[in-house]
Amino acid sequence: MFQALKWLAAMAVLILLVVFGGGYAISPNFTVKRSITINASPDKIFELIADPRAWKKWAVWNQRGPAMAITYSGPPAGKGAVWEWKSKSEGDGRMTFTAAEPGRRLAFELYFPDFGTTSQGDMVLSTDGAGTRVTWTMNGDMGKSPVARWMALFMDSMVGKDFDAGLAKLKSVAEKT
C-alpha cells in the first residue's frame, strides 16, 4: 500500500513538472491565419467586415450565440468602430477596429476579459483572378501563465475552424448580395 502511494505521489509530481515546467518552455505567442477567394469586389466585402453590425450576417460566433448581448460604440464602421459582447456560450469580449483602408485592409484588436488577453489581427483583401482573396490573421500572446501557454499551442486548431466557417459564410453572403 505504501509503495502504491509513493508511486502515485511521484507520478503527480511528474505530471505537475511537465505541465508547469513544460508550460514555461512553450512560447506564449500564437498566430491563426486563414484565406478564401470570394467572387465579389473588395469594396462589397469591405462593407461586410468594416461594419461591426454586419458581422452578425457571417461571423460564426454570432451564429452560435444568438442570445449574445452586443453593444456598439464609436463610428458605425471603419477605424474606431467597437463592438462588445457578453455571451454564455461564446464568452465576453471586445473588438476594436484599429485601422481601415477601404477595399484593402481592416485591422483589429480583440480583448477577452475572461482570459485577460489581447490579440491583434487584420483582414486583408487582394485581387485573385476575377475574385477577391480575403486573408484573416490573428496574433496573440497568452501571457506568463504556464497553463495558458499550453493553450497557445492549440489556438490554430481551436480558432482556425471558426475562421474557416466565418470566411465560408462571408463568401456566401458577399456572393449573394
N, C-alpha and C. Protein backbone atom coordinates (compact mmCIF):
# COMPACT_ATOMS: atom_id res chain seq x y z
N MET A 1 0.83 -1.19 0.00
CA MET A 1 0.00 0.00 0.00
C MET A 1 0.87 1.26 0.00
N PHE A 2 1.91 1.27 0.85
CA PHE A 2 2.79 2.44 0.93
C PHE A 2 3.51 2.66 -0.39
N GLN A 3 3.94 1.58 -1.04
CA GLN A 3 4.63 1.68 -2.34
C GLN A 3 3.71 2.28 -3.39
N ALA A 4 2.44 1.89 -3.38
CA ALA A 4 1.47 2.41 -4.35
C ALA A 4 1.27 3.91 -4.14
N LEU A 5 1.20 4.35 -2.88
CA LEU A 5 1.06 5.78 -2.58
C LEU A 5 2.29 6.56 -3.01
N LYS A 6 3.48 5.97 -2.78
CA LYS A 6 4.72 6.62 -3.22
C LYS A 6 4.73 6.76 -4.75
N TRP A 7 4.30 5.71 -5.41
CA TRP A 7 4.27 5.74 -6.88
C TRP A 7 3.29 6.80 -7.37
N LEU A 8 2.09 6.87 -6.77
CA LEU A 8 1.09 7.88 -7.14
C LEU A 8 1.61 9.29 -6.88
N ALA A 9 2.26 9.50 -5.76
CA ALA A 9 2.81 10.82 -5.44
C ALA A 9 3.89 11.21 -6.44
N ALA A 10 4.74 10.27 -6.79
CA ALA A 10 5.80 10.54 -7.77
C ALA A 10 5.20 10.89 -9.13
N MET A 11 4.15 10.17 -9.53
CA MET A 11 3.50 10.45 -10.81
C MET A 11 2.84 11.82 -10.81
N ALA A 12 2.22 12.19 -9.67
CA ALA A 12 1.58 13.50 -9.56
C ALA A 12 2.61 14.62 -9.68
N VAL A 13 3.76 14.44 -9.03
CA VAL A 13 4.83 15.43 -9.12
C VAL A 13 5.36 15.52 -10.54
N LEU A 14 5.52 14.38 -11.18
CA LEU A 14 5.99 14.36 -12.56
C LEU A 14 5.02 15.08 -13.50
N ILE A 15 3.74 14.83 -13.33
CA ILE A 15 2.73 15.50 -14.16
C ILE A 15 2.76 17.00 -13.93
N LEU A 16 2.86 17.42 -12.68
CA LEU A 16 2.93 18.86 -12.39
C LEU A 16 4.18 19.49 -13.00
N LEU A 17 5.29 18.77 -12.95
CA LEU A 17 6.52 19.29 -13.56
C LEU A 17 6.37 19.45 -15.07
N VAL A 18 5.75 18.48 -15.69
CA VAL A 18 5.55 18.55 -17.14
C VAL A 18 4.61 19.71 -17.49
N VAL A 19 3.48 19.81 -16.77
CA VAL A 19 2.51 20.86 -17.08
C VAL A 19 3.10 22.24 -16.82
N PHE A 20 3.68 22.45 -15.65
CA PHE A 20 4.18 23.77 -15.32
C PHE A 20 5.56 24.04 -15.92
N GLY A 21 6.48 23.12 -15.75
CA GLY A 21 7.82 23.31 -16.32
C GLY A 21 7.79 23.36 -17.83
N GLY A 22 7.04 22.44 -18.42
CA GLY A 22 6.91 22.43 -19.87
C GLY A 22 6.20 23.67 -20.38
N GLY A 23 5.22 24.14 -19.62
CA GLY A 23 4.48 25.35 -19.99
C GLY A 23 5.38 26.55 -20.10
N TYR A 24 6.35 26.66 -19.19
CA TYR A 24 7.28 27.80 -19.24
C TYR A 24 8.21 27.70 -20.45
N ALA A 25 8.40 26.50 -20.97
CA ALA A 25 9.28 26.31 -22.13
C ALA A 25 8.56 26.60 -23.45
N ILE A 26 7.22 26.68 -23.40
CA ILE A 26 6.43 26.92 -24.61
C ILE A 26 6.29 28.43 -24.84
N SER A 27 6.39 28.84 -26.08
CA SER A 27 6.19 30.25 -26.42
C SER A 27 4.74 30.64 -26.14
N PRO A 28 4.50 31.80 -25.58
CA PRO A 28 3.13 32.24 -25.34
C PRO A 28 2.47 32.81 -26.60
N ASN A 29 3.23 32.98 -27.66
CA ASN A 29 2.74 33.62 -28.88
C ASN A 29 2.05 32.62 -29.81
N PHE A 30 1.03 33.10 -30.49
CA PHE A 30 0.34 32.26 -31.47
C PHE A 30 -0.10 33.10 -32.66
N THR A 31 -0.31 32.42 -33.78
CA THR A 31 -0.86 33.04 -34.99
C THR A 31 -1.89 32.10 -35.58
N VAL A 32 -3.02 32.68 -35.96
CA VAL A 32 -4.06 31.94 -36.68
C VAL A 32 -4.25 32.69 -37.99
N LYS A 33 -4.22 31.96 -39.10
CA LYS A 33 -4.33 32.60 -40.41
C LYS A 33 -5.10 31.70 -41.37
N ARG A 34 -6.12 32.26 -42.01
CA ARG A 34 -6.92 31.53 -42.99
C ARG A 34 -7.24 32.46 -44.15
N SER A 35 -7.45 31.87 -45.34
CA SER A 35 -7.79 32.64 -46.54
C SER A 35 -8.88 31.96 -47.33
N ILE A 36 -9.57 32.77 -48.14
CA ILE A 36 -10.59 32.26 -49.05
C ILE A 36 -10.69 33.24 -50.22
N THR A 37 -11.06 32.75 -51.37
CA THR A 37 -11.32 33.62 -52.52
C THR A 37 -12.83 33.76 -52.67
N ILE A 38 -13.27 35.01 -52.78
CA ILE A 38 -14.70 35.33 -52.87
C ILE A 38 -14.96 36.01 -54.21
N ASN A 39 -15.99 35.60 -54.89
CA ASN A 39 -16.36 36.19 -56.17
C ASN A 39 -17.21 37.43 -55.95
N ALA A 40 -16.56 38.45 -55.40
CA ALA A 40 -17.20 39.74 -55.13
C ALA A 40 -16.10 40.79 -55.11
N SER A 41 -16.49 42.03 -55.28
CA SER A 41 -15.49 43.11 -55.30
C SER A 41 -14.94 43.36 -53.89
N PRO A 42 -13.72 43.87 -53.81
CA PRO A 42 -13.16 44.21 -52.50
C PRO A 42 -14.03 45.20 -51.74
N ASP A 43 -14.65 46.15 -52.45
CA ASP A 43 -15.50 47.14 -51.78
C ASP A 43 -16.72 46.50 -51.14
N LYS A 44 -17.34 45.54 -51.84
CA LYS A 44 -18.52 44.86 -51.30
C LYS A 44 -18.13 44.06 -50.04
N ILE A 45 -16.99 43.37 -50.10
CA ILE A 45 -16.53 42.58 -48.95
C ILE A 45 -16.15 43.51 -47.80
N PHE A 46 -15.51 44.62 -48.12
CA PHE A 46 -15.10 45.56 -47.07
C PHE A 46 -16.31 46.07 -46.29
N GLU A 47 -17.42 46.31 -46.98
CA GLU A 47 -18.64 46.75 -46.29
C GLU A 47 -19.08 45.73 -45.25
N LEU A 48 -18.89 44.46 -45.53
CA LEU A 48 -19.32 43.40 -44.61
C LEU A 48 -18.35 43.19 -43.44
N ILE A 49 -17.10 43.62 -43.59
CA ILE A 49 -16.15 43.42 -42.50
C ILE A 49 -15.90 44.71 -41.70
N ALA A 50 -16.07 45.88 -42.32
CA ALA A 50 -15.74 47.14 -41.65
C ALA A 50 -16.86 47.65 -40.75
N ASP A 51 -18.06 47.11 -40.89
CA ASP A 51 -19.20 47.49 -40.05
C ASP A 51 -19.42 46.37 -39.03
N PRO A 52 -19.18 46.63 -37.75
CA PRO A 52 -19.34 45.55 -36.77
C PRO A 52 -20.75 44.95 -36.74
N ARG A 53 -21.76 45.73 -37.10
CA ARG A 53 -23.14 45.21 -37.13
C ARG A 53 -23.30 44.15 -38.23
N ALA A 54 -22.51 44.27 -39.30
CA ALA A 54 -22.60 43.31 -40.41
C ALA A 54 -21.99 41.96 -40.05
N TRP A 55 -21.17 41.90 -38.99
CA TRP A 55 -20.57 40.62 -38.60
C TRP A 55 -21.64 39.60 -38.20
N LYS A 56 -22.82 40.09 -37.76
CA LYS A 56 -23.92 39.18 -37.41
C LYS A 56 -24.32 38.31 -38.60
N LYS A 57 -24.11 38.81 -39.81
CA LYS A 57 -24.51 38.10 -41.02
C LYS A 57 -23.58 36.92 -41.34
N TRP A 58 -22.33 36.99 -40.84
CA TRP A 58 -21.39 35.96 -41.28
C TRP A 58 -20.47 35.39 -40.21
N ALA A 59 -20.24 36.07 -39.11
CA ALA A 59 -19.30 35.57 -38.09
C ALA A 59 -19.90 34.36 -37.37
N VAL A 60 -19.13 33.31 -37.26
CA VAL A 60 -19.59 32.05 -36.66
C VAL A 60 -19.97 32.23 -35.20
N TRP A 61 -19.28 33.12 -34.49
CA TRP A 61 -19.57 33.32 -33.07
C TRP A 61 -20.98 33.86 -32.88
N ASN A 62 -21.39 34.77 -33.75
CA ASN A 62 -22.74 35.30 -33.68
C ASN A 62 -23.78 34.23 -34.00
N GLN A 63 -23.45 33.33 -34.91
CA GLN A 63 -24.36 32.26 -35.28
C GLN A 63 -24.54 31.27 -34.12
N ARG A 64 -23.45 30.99 -33.41
CA ARG A 64 -23.51 30.02 -32.30
C ARG A 64 -24.12 30.62 -31.04
N GLY A 65 -24.05 31.93 -30.91
CA GLY A 65 -24.58 32.59 -29.71
C GLY A 65 -25.65 33.61 -30.06
N PRO A 66 -26.82 33.17 -30.55
CA PRO A 66 -27.84 34.13 -30.97
C PRO A 66 -28.38 35.00 -29.83
N ALA A 67 -28.21 34.56 -28.58
CA ALA A 67 -28.65 35.36 -27.44
C ALA A 67 -27.56 36.32 -26.96
N MET A 68 -26.47 36.39 -27.70
CA MET A 68 -25.35 37.25 -27.36
C MET A 68 -25.82 38.71 -27.23
N ALA A 69 -25.47 39.35 -26.12
CA ALA A 69 -25.79 40.77 -25.92
C ALA A 69 -24.65 41.59 -26.51
N ILE A 70 -24.95 42.43 -27.48
CA ILE A 70 -23.93 43.20 -28.19
C ILE A 70 -24.21 44.69 -28.02
N THR A 71 -23.14 45.44 -27.74
CA THR A 71 -23.24 46.90 -27.73
C THR A 71 -22.19 47.44 -28.70
N TYR A 72 -22.53 48.54 -29.34
CA TYR A 72 -21.66 49.17 -30.32
C TYR A 72 -21.32 50.58 -29.85
N SER A 73 -20.11 51.02 -30.19
CA SER A 73 -19.71 52.38 -29.87
C SER A 73 -18.74 52.87 -30.94
N GLY A 74 -18.45 54.15 -30.89
CA GLY A 74 -17.57 54.74 -31.89
C GLY A 74 -18.32 54.93 -33.20
N PRO A 75 -17.58 55.17 -34.26
CA PRO A 75 -18.22 55.34 -35.57
C PRO A 75 -18.91 54.04 -36.00
N PRO A 76 -19.86 54.12 -36.94
CA PRO A 76 -20.57 52.91 -37.35
C PRO A 76 -19.71 51.90 -38.10
N ALA A 77 -18.62 52.33 -38.68
CA ALA A 77 -17.76 51.41 -39.43
C ALA A 77 -16.34 51.99 -39.50
N GLY A 78 -15.39 51.11 -39.81
CA GLY A 78 -14.01 51.53 -40.01
C GLY A 78 -13.27 51.79 -38.71
N LYS A 79 -12.17 52.52 -38.83
CA LYS A 79 -11.31 52.79 -37.68
C LYS A 79 -12.09 53.43 -36.54
N GLY A 80 -11.90 52.85 -35.34
CA GLY A 80 -12.57 53.35 -34.16
C GLY A 80 -13.89 52.69 -33.84
N ALA A 81 -14.45 51.92 -34.78
CA ALA A 81 -15.70 51.21 -34.50
C ALA A 81 -15.41 50.10 -33.48
N VAL A 82 -16.32 49.94 -32.53
CA VAL A 82 -16.12 48.97 -31.45
C VAL A 82 -17.41 48.18 -31.27
N TRP A 83 -17.25 46.89 -31.02
CA TRP A 83 -18.39 46.09 -30.57
C TRP A 83 -17.95 45.23 -29.41
N GLU A 84 -18.81 45.19 -28.40
CA GLU A 84 -18.56 44.38 -27.21
C GLU A 84 -19.71 43.39 -27.07
N TRP A 85 -19.38 42.21 -26.56
CA TRP A 85 -20.42 41.20 -26.41
C TRP A 85 -20.28 40.48 -25.09
N LYS A 86 -21.42 39.98 -24.65
CA LYS A 86 -21.50 39.11 -23.48
C LYS A 86 -22.32 37.91 -23.91
N SER A 87 -21.76 36.74 -23.69
CA SER A 87 -22.42 35.53 -24.15
C SER A 87 -22.07 34.37 -23.24
N LYS A 88 -23.08 33.62 -22.84
CA LYS A 88 -22.83 32.43 -22.02
C LYS A 88 -22.10 31.36 -22.83
N SER A 89 -22.43 31.24 -24.11
CA SER A 89 -21.81 30.19 -24.93
C SER A 89 -20.48 30.60 -25.55
N GLU A 90 -20.30 31.88 -25.86
CA GLU A 90 -19.10 32.32 -26.57
C GLU A 90 -18.15 33.16 -25.70
N GLY A 91 -18.52 33.44 -24.47
CA GLY A 91 -17.69 34.26 -23.60
C GLY A 91 -17.91 35.74 -23.87
N ASP A 92 -17.18 36.55 -23.14
CA ASP A 92 -17.29 38.00 -23.28
C ASP A 92 -16.07 38.51 -24.04
N GLY A 93 -16.25 39.63 -24.75
CA GLY A 93 -15.13 40.19 -25.48
C GLY A 93 -15.41 41.55 -26.04
N ARG A 94 -14.37 42.11 -26.62
CA ARG A 94 -14.47 43.42 -27.26
C ARG A 94 -13.56 43.44 -28.48
N MET A 95 -14.08 43.89 -29.60
CA MET A 95 -13.27 44.05 -30.81
C MET A 95 -13.30 45.53 -31.19
N THR A 96 -12.11 46.08 -31.38
CA THR A 96 -11.94 47.46 -31.79
C THR A 96 -11.24 47.49 -33.13
N PHE A 97 -11.81 48.16 -34.11
CA PHE A 97 -11.17 48.28 -35.40
C PHE A 97 -10.12 49.40 -35.30
N THR A 98 -8.87 49.05 -35.50
CA THR A 98 -7.75 49.97 -35.26
C THR A 98 -7.22 50.65 -36.52
N ALA A 99 -7.53 50.10 -37.68
CA ALA A 99 -7.12 50.72 -38.95
C ALA A 99 -8.07 50.23 -40.03
N ALA A 100 -8.33 51.10 -40.99
CA ALA A 100 -9.22 50.72 -42.09
C ALA A 100 -8.74 51.38 -43.38
N GLU A 101 -8.49 50.55 -44.37
CA GLU A 101 -8.14 51.02 -45.71
C GLU A 101 -9.21 50.45 -46.63
N PRO A 102 -10.23 51.24 -46.96
CA PRO A 102 -11.37 50.73 -47.73
C PRO A 102 -10.95 49.90 -48.95
N GLY A 103 -11.57 48.73 -49.04
CA GLY A 103 -11.30 47.83 -50.14
C GLY A 103 -9.98 47.10 -50.06
N ARG A 104 -9.21 47.34 -48.97
CA ARG A 104 -7.88 46.72 -48.87
C ARG A 104 -7.61 45.99 -47.56
N ARG A 105 -7.93 46.65 -46.42
CA ARG A 105 -7.50 46.07 -45.14
C ARG A 105 -8.30 46.65 -43.98
N LEU A 106 -8.61 45.76 -43.03
CA LEU A 106 -9.21 46.16 -41.76
C LEU A 106 -8.39 45.51 -40.65
N ALA A 107 -7.86 46.31 -39.74
CA ALA A 107 -7.09 45.79 -38.61
C ALA A 107 -7.94 45.89 -37.34
N PHE A 108 -7.68 45.00 -36.40
CA PHE A 108 -8.48 44.98 -35.18
C PHE A 108 -7.64 44.59 -33.97
N GLU A 109 -8.20 44.94 -32.81
CA GLU A 109 -7.68 44.48 -31.52
C GLU A 109 -8.82 43.73 -30.86
N LEU A 110 -8.52 42.56 -30.33
CA LEU A 110 -9.53 41.70 -29.74
C LEU A 110 -9.15 41.45 -28.29
N TYR A 111 -10.07 41.77 -27.36
CA TYR A 111 -9.80 41.62 -25.94
C TYR A 111 -10.80 40.65 -25.32
N PHE A 112 -10.28 39.68 -24.57
CA PHE A 112 -11.12 38.72 -23.85
C PHE A 112 -10.86 38.89 -22.35
N PRO A 113 -11.79 39.54 -21.62
CA PRO A 113 -11.57 39.77 -20.19
C PRO A 113 -11.47 38.50 -19.37
N ASP A 114 -12.14 37.42 -19.81
CA ASP A 114 -12.10 36.17 -19.04
C ASP A 114 -10.68 35.61 -18.98
N PHE A 115 -9.88 35.87 -20.01
CA PHE A 115 -8.50 35.37 -20.07
C PHE A 115 -7.49 36.47 -19.81
N GLY A 116 -7.93 37.73 -19.86
CA GLY A 116 -7.02 38.86 -19.69
C GLY A 116 -6.04 38.97 -20.85
N THR A 117 -6.47 38.53 -22.03
CA THR A 117 -5.57 38.55 -23.19
C THR A 117 -6.09 39.50 -24.27
N THR A 118 -5.14 40.06 -25.00
CA THR A 118 -5.45 40.93 -26.13
C THR A 118 -4.70 40.38 -27.34
N SER A 119 -5.41 40.29 -28.44
CA SER A 119 -4.81 39.85 -29.70
C SER A 119 -4.98 40.95 -30.74
N GLN A 120 -4.12 40.93 -31.74
CA GLN A 120 -4.23 41.85 -32.86
C GLN A 120 -4.37 41.04 -34.13
N GLY A 121 -4.98 41.65 -35.11
CA GLY A 121 -5.10 40.95 -36.37
C GLY A 121 -5.61 41.85 -37.45
N ASP A 122 -5.81 41.25 -38.61
CA ASP A 122 -6.37 42.02 -39.72
C ASP A 122 -7.02 41.10 -40.72
N MET A 123 -7.77 41.74 -41.60
CA MET A 123 -8.37 41.06 -42.75
C MET A 123 -7.88 41.84 -43.96
N VAL A 124 -7.13 41.16 -44.80
CA VAL A 124 -6.53 41.79 -45.98
C VAL A 124 -7.25 41.31 -47.22
N LEU A 125 -7.61 42.25 -48.09
CA LEU A 125 -8.30 41.95 -49.34
C LEU A 125 -7.35 42.20 -50.49
N SER A 126 -7.23 41.22 -51.38
CA SER A 126 -6.35 41.37 -52.54
C SER A 126 -7.00 40.71 -53.76
N THR A 127 -6.64 41.21 -54.93
CA THR A 127 -7.19 40.67 -56.16
C THR A 127 -6.67 39.25 -56.38
N ASP A 128 -7.59 38.37 -56.75
CA ASP A 128 -7.24 36.97 -57.02
C ASP A 128 -8.05 36.52 -58.23
N GLY A 129 -7.47 36.72 -59.40
CA GLY A 129 -8.20 36.42 -60.64
C GLY A 129 -9.39 37.34 -60.76
N ALA A 130 -10.57 36.77 -60.94
CA ALA A 130 -11.79 37.56 -61.05
C ALA A 130 -12.41 37.85 -59.69
N GLY A 131 -11.84 37.29 -58.63
CA GLY A 131 -12.39 37.46 -57.30
C GLY A 131 -11.48 38.24 -56.37
N THR A 132 -11.79 38.16 -55.11
CA THR A 132 -11.02 38.84 -54.06
C THR A 132 -10.57 37.81 -53.04
N ARG A 133 -9.29 37.81 -52.77
CA ARG A 133 -8.72 36.93 -51.74
C ARG A 133 -8.83 37.65 -50.40
N VAL A 134 -9.46 37.00 -49.44
CA VAL A 134 -9.58 37.54 -48.08
C VAL A 134 -8.68 36.70 -47.19
N THR A 135 -7.72 37.35 -46.54
CA THR A 135 -6.82 36.66 -45.60
C THR A 135 -7.05 37.24 -44.22
N TRP A 136 -7.47 36.38 -43.31
CA TRP A 136 -7.81 36.76 -41.93
C TRP A 136 -6.70 36.23 -41.04
N THR A 137 -6.04 37.13 -40.32
CA THR A 137 -4.92 36.76 -39.45
C THR A 137 -5.15 37.32 -38.05
N MET A 138 -4.77 36.54 -37.06
CA MET A 138 -4.80 37.00 -35.67
C MET A 138 -3.53 36.54 -34.98
N ASN A 139 -2.89 37.45 -34.28
CA ASN A 139 -1.69 37.17 -33.50
C ASN A 139 -1.96 37.51 -32.04
N GLY A 140 -1.48 36.67 -31.15
CA GLY A 140 -1.72 36.93 -29.74
C GLY A 140 -0.61 36.42 -28.85
N ASP A 141 -0.73 36.77 -27.59
CA ASP A 141 0.22 36.40 -26.56
C ASP A 141 -0.60 35.92 -25.37
N MET A 142 -0.40 34.68 -24.97
CA MET A 142 -1.17 34.09 -23.88
C MET A 142 -0.63 34.46 -22.49
N GLY A 143 0.43 35.23 -22.45
CA GLY A 143 0.93 35.73 -21.17
C GLY A 143 1.91 34.80 -20.48
N LYS A 144 2.08 35.02 -19.19
CA LYS A 144 3.12 34.32 -18.43
C LYS A 144 2.67 33.00 -17.81
N SER A 145 1.38 32.79 -17.75
CA SER A 145 0.88 31.56 -17.12
C SER A 145 1.31 30.33 -17.91
N PRO A 146 1.93 29.36 -17.26
CA PRO A 146 2.35 28.16 -17.98
C PRO A 146 1.17 27.35 -18.52
N VAL A 147 0.05 27.40 -17.84
CA VAL A 147 -1.14 26.68 -18.32
C VAL A 147 -1.69 27.37 -19.58
N ALA A 148 -1.76 28.70 -19.58
CA ALA A 148 -2.24 29.43 -20.75
C ALA A 148 -1.30 29.23 -21.94
N ARG A 149 -0.01 29.07 -21.68
CA ARG A 149 0.93 28.84 -22.78
C ARG A 149 0.64 27.53 -23.51
N TRP A 150 0.14 26.53 -22.78
CA TRP A 150 -0.26 25.29 -23.44
C TRP A 150 -1.39 25.58 -24.42
N MET A 151 -2.29 26.51 -24.05
CA MET A 151 -3.39 26.88 -24.94
C MET A 151 -2.86 27.48 -26.24
N ALA A 152 -1.75 28.22 -26.16
CA ALA A 152 -1.18 28.84 -27.35
C ALA A 152 -0.85 27.79 -28.41
N LEU A 153 -0.45 26.60 -27.95
CA LEU A 153 -0.14 25.51 -28.89
C LEU A 153 -1.35 25.09 -29.71
N PHE A 154 -2.54 25.25 -29.14
CA PHE A 154 -3.76 24.75 -29.78
C PHE A 154 -4.65 25.84 -30.37
N MET A 155 -4.21 27.10 -30.31
CA MET A 155 -5.05 28.18 -30.80
C MET A 155 -5.38 28.04 -32.28
N ASP A 156 -4.41 27.62 -33.09
CA ASP A 156 -4.68 27.49 -34.52
C ASP A 156 -5.79 26.48 -34.77
N SER A 157 -5.75 25.33 -34.11
CA SER A 157 -6.78 24.33 -34.34
C SER A 157 -8.11 24.74 -33.71
N MET A 158 -8.08 25.46 -32.58
CA MET A 158 -9.32 25.87 -31.92
C MET A 158 -10.00 27.01 -32.67
N VAL A 159 -9.26 28.05 -32.99
CA VAL A 159 -9.83 29.25 -33.61
C VAL A 159 -9.85 29.14 -35.13
N GLY A 160 -8.92 28.40 -35.70
CA GLY A 160 -8.85 28.26 -37.15
C GLY A 160 -10.12 27.73 -37.77
N LYS A 161 -10.77 26.79 -37.12
CA LYS A 161 -12.02 26.25 -37.66
C LYS A 161 -13.12 27.31 -37.65
N ASP A 162 -13.09 28.22 -36.67
CA ASP A 162 -14.05 29.33 -36.65
C ASP A 162 -13.75 30.33 -37.77
N PHE A 163 -12.47 30.57 -38.03
CA PHE A 163 -12.09 31.44 -39.15
C PHE A 163 -12.57 30.82 -40.46
N ASP A 164 -12.33 29.52 -40.65
CA ASP A 164 -12.77 28.84 -41.87
C ASP A 164 -14.28 28.95 -42.05
N ALA A 165 -15.04 28.68 -41.00
CA ALA A 165 -16.50 28.75 -41.07
C ALA A 165 -16.97 30.18 -41.33
N GLY A 166 -16.34 31.14 -40.67
CA GLY A 166 -16.71 32.54 -40.86
C GLY A 166 -16.42 33.01 -42.28
N LEU A 167 -15.26 32.63 -42.80
CA LEU A 167 -14.92 33.02 -44.17
C LEU A 167 -15.85 32.37 -45.18
N ALA A 168 -16.24 31.13 -44.95
CA ALA A 168 -17.19 30.45 -45.85
C ALA A 168 -18.54 31.17 -45.83
N LYS A 169 -18.97 31.58 -44.66
CA LYS A 169 -20.25 32.32 -44.55
C LYS A 169 -20.11 33.71 -45.18
N LEU A 170 -18.96 34.37 -44.97
CA LEU A 170 -18.72 35.68 -45.61
C LEU A 170 -18.80 35.54 -47.12
N LYS A 171 -18.21 34.48 -47.65
CA LYS A 171 -18.26 34.20 -49.10
C LYS A 171 -19.70 34.06 -49.56
N SER A 172 -20.48 33.27 -48.83
CA SER A 172 -21.88 33.05 -49.18
C SER A 172 -22.66 34.36 -49.18
N VAL A 173 -22.49 35.16 -48.14
CA VAL A 173 -23.22 36.43 -48.03
C VAL A 173 -22.77 37.41 -49.11
N ALA A 174 -21.47 37.55 -49.31
CA ALA A 174 -20.95 38.51 -50.30
C ALA A 174 -21.33 38.14 -51.73
N GLU A 175 -21.36 36.85 -52.02
CA GLU A 175 -21.68 36.42 -53.39
C GLU A 175 -23.18 36.47 -53.68
N LYS A 176 -24.01 36.52 -52.63
CA LYS A 176 -25.47 36.61 -52.84
C LYS A 176 -25.92 38.05 -53.05
N THR A 177 -25.26 38.98 -52.38
CA THR A 177 -25.75 40.37 -52.43
C THR A 177 -25.09 41.16 -53.52
